[in-house]
C-alpha atoms as a PDB file:
ATOM      1  CA  MET A   1      78.980  97.472 116.354  1.00  0.00           C
ATOM      2  CA  VAL A   2      80.191  97.325 112.617  1.00  0.00           C
ATOM      3  CA  ASP A   3      78.873  93.479 112.636  1.00  0.00           C
ATOM      4  CA  GLU A   4      74.958  94.915 113.245  1.00  0.00           C
ATOM      5  CA  GLN A   5      75.533  97.947 110.494  1.00  0.00           C
ATOM      6  CA  ILE A   6      76.882  94.986 107.964  1.00  0.00           C
ATOM      7  CA  LYS A   7      73.134  92.945 109.240  1.00  0.00           C
ATOM      8  CA  MET A   8      70.951  95.969 108.394  1.00  0.00           C
ATOM      9  CA  SER A   9      72.745  97.825 105.581  1.00  0.00           C
ATOM     10  CA  ASN A  10      71.537  97.194 101.683  1.00  0.00           C
ATOM     11  CA  PHE A  11      75.113  98.682 100.274  1.00  0.00           C
ATOM     12  CA  LEU A  12      78.435  99.490 101.887  1.00  0.00           C
ATOM     13  CA  LEU A  13      80.513 101.722 100.335  1.00  0.00           C
ATOM     14  CA  GLN A  14      84.655 102.237 100.710  1.00  0.00           C
ATOM     15  CA  ASN A  15      86.614 104.961  99.080  1.00  0.00           C
ATOM     16  CA  ARG A  16      90.586 104.776  99.013  1.00  0.00           C
ATOM     17  CA  PHE A  17      90.860 105.997 102.517  1.00  0.00           C
ATOM     18  CA  ASP A  18      89.202 103.104 103.953  1.00  0.00           C
ATOM     19  CA  ASP A  19      86.209 104.978 105.029  1.00  0.00           C
ATOM     20  CA  ILE A  20      82.780 102.455 104.832  1.00  0.00           C
ATOM     21  CA  TRP A  21      79.225 104.341 104.255  1.00  0.00           C
ATOM     22  CA  PHE A  22      76.940 102.103 105.953  1.00  0.00           C
ATOM     23  CA  PHE A  23      73.582 102.359 103.488  1.00  0.00           C
ATOM     24  CA  ASP A  24      70.313 100.478 105.412  1.00  0.00           C
ATOM     25  CA  HIS A  25      67.565 101.394 102.693  1.00  0.00           C
ATOM     26  CA  GLU A  26      67.977 100.614  98.997  1.00  0.00           C
ATOM     27  CA  LEU A  27      70.188 102.834  97.301  1.00  0.00           C
ATOM     28  CA  ILE A  28      69.555 102.848  93.850  1.00  0.00           C
ATOM     29  CA  ARG A  29      65.939 103.574  94.352  1.00  0.00           C
ATOM     30  CA  ASN A  30      66.573 106.446  96.582  1.00  0.00           C
ATOM     31  CA  PHE A  31      69.260 107.621  94.277  1.00  0.00           C
ATOM     32  CA  ASN A  32      68.641 111.443  93.453  1.00  0.00           C
ATOM     33  CA  SER A  33      70.953 114.227  92.817  1.00  0.00           C
ATOM     34  CA  LEU A  34      71.582 115.833  96.031  1.00  0.00           C
ATOM     35  CA  LEU A  35      72.186 111.447  97.187  1.00  0.00           C
ATOM     36  CA  PHE A  36      74.703 110.654  94.062  1.00  0.00           C
ATOM     37  CA  ASP A  37      76.204 114.204  94.560  1.00  0.00           C
ATOM     38  CA  MET A  38      77.402 112.844  98.246  1.00  0.00           C
ATOM     39  CA  VAL A  39      78.286 109.516  97.195  1.00  0.00           C
ATOM     40  CA  VAL A  40      80.569 110.769  94.256  1.00  0.00           C
ATOM     41  CA  ASN A  41      82.699 112.919  97.151  1.00  0.00           C
ATOM     42  CA  PHE A  42      83.030 110.152  98.975  1.00  0.00           C
ATOM     43  CA  TYR A  43      84.306 107.730  96.722  1.00  0.00           C
ATOM     44  CA  GLN A  44      86.436 110.660  95.527  1.00  0.00           C
ATOM     45  CA  GLY A  45      87.573 112.135  98.624  1.00  0.00           C
ATOM     46  CA  PRO A  46      89.454 115.205  99.297  1.00  0.00           C
ATOM     47  CA  PHE A  47      91.734 115.697  96.526  1.00  0.00           C
ATOM     48  CA  PRO A  48      95.816 115.276  97.046  1.00  0.00           C
ATOM     49  CA  LEU A  49      97.708 118.433  96.167  1.00  0.00           C
ATOM     50  CA  THR A  50     100.846 117.088  95.024  1.00  0.00           C
ATOM     51  CA  LYS A  51     101.621 120.792  92.474  1.00  0.00           C
ATOM     52  CA  LEU A  52     100.535 123.852  92.928  1.00  0.00           C
ATOM     53  CA  GLU A  53      99.166 123.862  89.253  1.00  0.00           C
ATOM     54  CA  GLU A  54      96.137 121.332  90.298  1.00  0.00           C
ATOM     55  CA  LEU A  55      93.993 124.660  92.523  1.00  0.00           C
ATOM     56  CA  VAL A  56      93.900 126.421  89.012  1.00  0.00           C
ATOM     57  CA  LEU A  57      92.751 123.002  87.160  1.00  0.00           C
ATOM     58  CA  ARG A  58      90.016 122.013  89.752  1.00  0.00           C
ATOM     59  CA  GLN A  59      89.060 125.371  89.053  1.00  0.00           C
ATOM     60  CA  SER A  60      85.318 125.774  88.290  1.00  0.00           C
ATOM     61  CA  GLY A  61      83.959 129.093  88.274  1.00  0.00           C
ATOM     62  CA  GLU A  62      84.395 132.671  90.526  1.00  0.00           C
ATOM     63  CA  ASN A  63      82.527 131.078  93.540  1.00  0.00           C
ATOM     64  CA  ASP A  64      85.665 128.512  94.580  1.00  0.00           C
ATOM     65  CA  CYS A  65      87.103 128.153  98.019  1.00  0.00           C
ATOM     66  CA  HIS A  66      89.926 125.529  98.484  1.00  0.00           C
ATOM     67  CA  LEU A  67      90.362 123.847 102.143  1.00  0.00           C
ATOM     68  CA  VAL A  68      93.281 122.621 102.829  1.00  0.00           C
ATOM     69  CA  VAL A  69      95.265 120.492 105.327  1.00  0.00           C
ATOM     70  CA  PHE A  70      99.098 120.024 105.425  1.00  0.00           C
ATOM     71  CA  LYS A  71     100.355 117.102 107.378  1.00  0.00           C
ATOM     72  CA  GLN A  72     103.695 115.386 105.932  1.00  0.00           C
ATOM     73  CA  ASP A  73     103.289 112.237 104.950  1.00  0.00           C
ATOM     74  CA  VAL A  74      99.665 112.015 105.815  1.00  0.00           C
ATOM     75  CA  PHE A  75      98.848 109.359 103.054  1.00  0.00           C
ATOM     76  CA  LYS A  76     102.136 107.280 104.714  1.00  0.00           C
ATOM     77  CA  ILE A  77     100.800 106.984 107.886  1.00  0.00           C
ATOM     78  CA  ASP A  78      97.637 105.954 108.815  1.00  0.00           C
ATOM     79  CA  GLU A  79      97.315 106.672 112.189  1.00  0.00           C
ATOM     80  CA  GLU A  80      97.954 110.676 110.572  1.00  0.00           C
ATOM     81  CA  LEU A  81      95.213 109.573 107.676  1.00  0.00           C
ATOM     82  CA  GLN A  82      92.500 108.992 110.398  1.00  0.00           C
ATOM     83  CA  LYS A  83      92.769 111.876 112.144  1.00  0.00           C
ATOM     84  CA  LEU A  84      92.274 113.574 109.115  1.00  0.00           C
ATOM     85  CA  LYS A  85      88.670 111.192 109.569  1.00  0.00           C
ATOM     86  CA  LYS A  86      85.826 114.661 110.446  1.00  0.00           C
ATOM     87  CA  PHE A  87      87.459 116.828 107.414  1.00  0.00           C
ATOM     88  CA  ARG A  88      86.243 113.627 104.898  1.00  0.00           C
ATOM     89  CA  LEU A  89      83.153 113.566 105.848  1.00  0.00           C
ATOM     90  CA  PHE A  90      83.002 117.271 105.497  1.00  0.00           C
ATOM     91  CA  ASN A  91      84.174 116.422 101.830  1.00  0.00           C
ATOM     92  CA  THR A  92      81.111 114.149 101.379  1.00  0.00           C
ATOM     93  CA  LYS A  93      78.700 116.163 102.370  1.00  0.00           C
ATOM     94  CA  ASN A  94      79.592 119.362 100.299  1.00  0.00           C
ATOM     95  CA  VAL A  95      76.565 119.221  98.214  1.00  0.00           C
ATOM     96  CA  PHE A  96      76.200 123.264  97.668  1.00  0.00           C
ATOM     97  CA  LYS A  97      75.641 124.457  94.336  1.00  0.00           C
ATOM     98  CA  SER A  98      76.094 127.949  94.845  1.00  0.00           C
ATOM     99  CA  ILE A  99      79.786 127.754  96.916  1.00  0.00           C
ATOM    100  CA  HIS A 100      81.426 125.119  95.742  1.00  0.00           C
ATOM    101  CA  LEU A 101      84.109 123.984  98.306  1.00  0.00           C
ATOM    102  CA  LYS A 102      87.079 121.621  97.284  1.00  0.00           C
ATOM    103  CA  TYR A 103      88.604 120.178  99.850  1.00  0.00           C
ATOM    104  CA  TRP A 104      92.720 119.100  99.698  1.00  0.00           C
ATOM    105  CA  VAL A 105      95.179 117.355 101.665  1.00  0.00           C
ATOM    106  CA  CYS A 106      98.550 118.315 101.367  1.00  0.00           C
ATOM    107  CA  ASP A 107     101.776 116.017 102.581  1.00  0.00           C
ATOM    108  CA  ASP A 108     104.543 117.827 100.793  1.00  0.00           C
ATOM    109  CA  VAL A 109     106.770 120.269 102.439  1.00  0.00           C
ATOM    110  CA  LYS A 110     107.360 122.090  99.407  1.00  0.00           C
ATOM    111  CA  VAL A 111     103.634 122.475  97.541  1.00  0.00           C
ATOM    112  CA  ALA A 112     102.335 123.952 101.702  1.00  0.00           C
ATOM    113  CA  LYS A 113     105.325 126.695 101.836  1.00  0.00           C
ATOM    114  CA  GLN A 114     104.503 128.134  98.228  1.00  0.00           C
ATOM    115  CA  ILE A 115     100.567 128.299  99.335  1.00  0.00           C
ATOM    116  CA  GLY A 116     102.021 129.863 102.174  1.00  0.00           C
ATOM    117  CA  ILE A 117     101.058 126.821 104.643  1.00  0.00           C
ATOM    118  CA  THR A 118     103.183 126.612 107.774  1.00  0.00           C
ATOM    119  CA  THR A 119     101.578 124.520 110.316  1.00  0.00           C
ATOM    120  CA  GLU A 120     101.148 121.177 110.163  1.00  0.00           C
ATOM    121  CA  GLY A 121      97.156 120.129 110.695  1.00  0.00           C
ATOM    122  CA  ASP A 122      95.640 123.670 110.688  1.00  0.00           C
ATOM    123  CA  LEU A 123      92.989 124.598 108.078  1.00  0.00           C
ATOM    124  CA  TYR A 124      93.530 126.634 105.455  1.00  0.00           C
ATOM    125  CA  VAL A 125      90.797 128.722 102.903  1.00  0.00           C
ATOM    126  CA  LEU A 126      91.831 129.816 100.172  1.00  0.00           C
ATOM    127  CA  ARG A 127      90.145 132.013  97.456  1.00  0.00           C
ATOM    128  CA  PRO A 128      91.636 132.050  93.977  1.00  0.00           C
ATOM    129  CA  THR A 129      92.599 135.696  92.885  1.00  0.00           C
END
């Protein structure tokens, strides 16, 4: 199936999580703002949450909503990173202008405890106060 997609696609994009996005149309010609936002989100992927201060630094207004998943050593174990593929896909589709969804992956136990995350693999929603 992948071989067929490669033959049919004009563009293949890959991000740091080894996700591949196939484009079967001309990417540049159809590069409107919505598609551009999706491509940027794809390349960027969810932010790695390594310090609590990063949540504050990534604030973009009062309509921010931070979605955080904690999984210890997720960036070191390929199988665990693959389990977050759907989460990364949601990040790609994040093009809302009125609500700013920020996707985060945390693999540090200390940082997770600082923000009140107690279980691995669950999705936590954080709002600035």
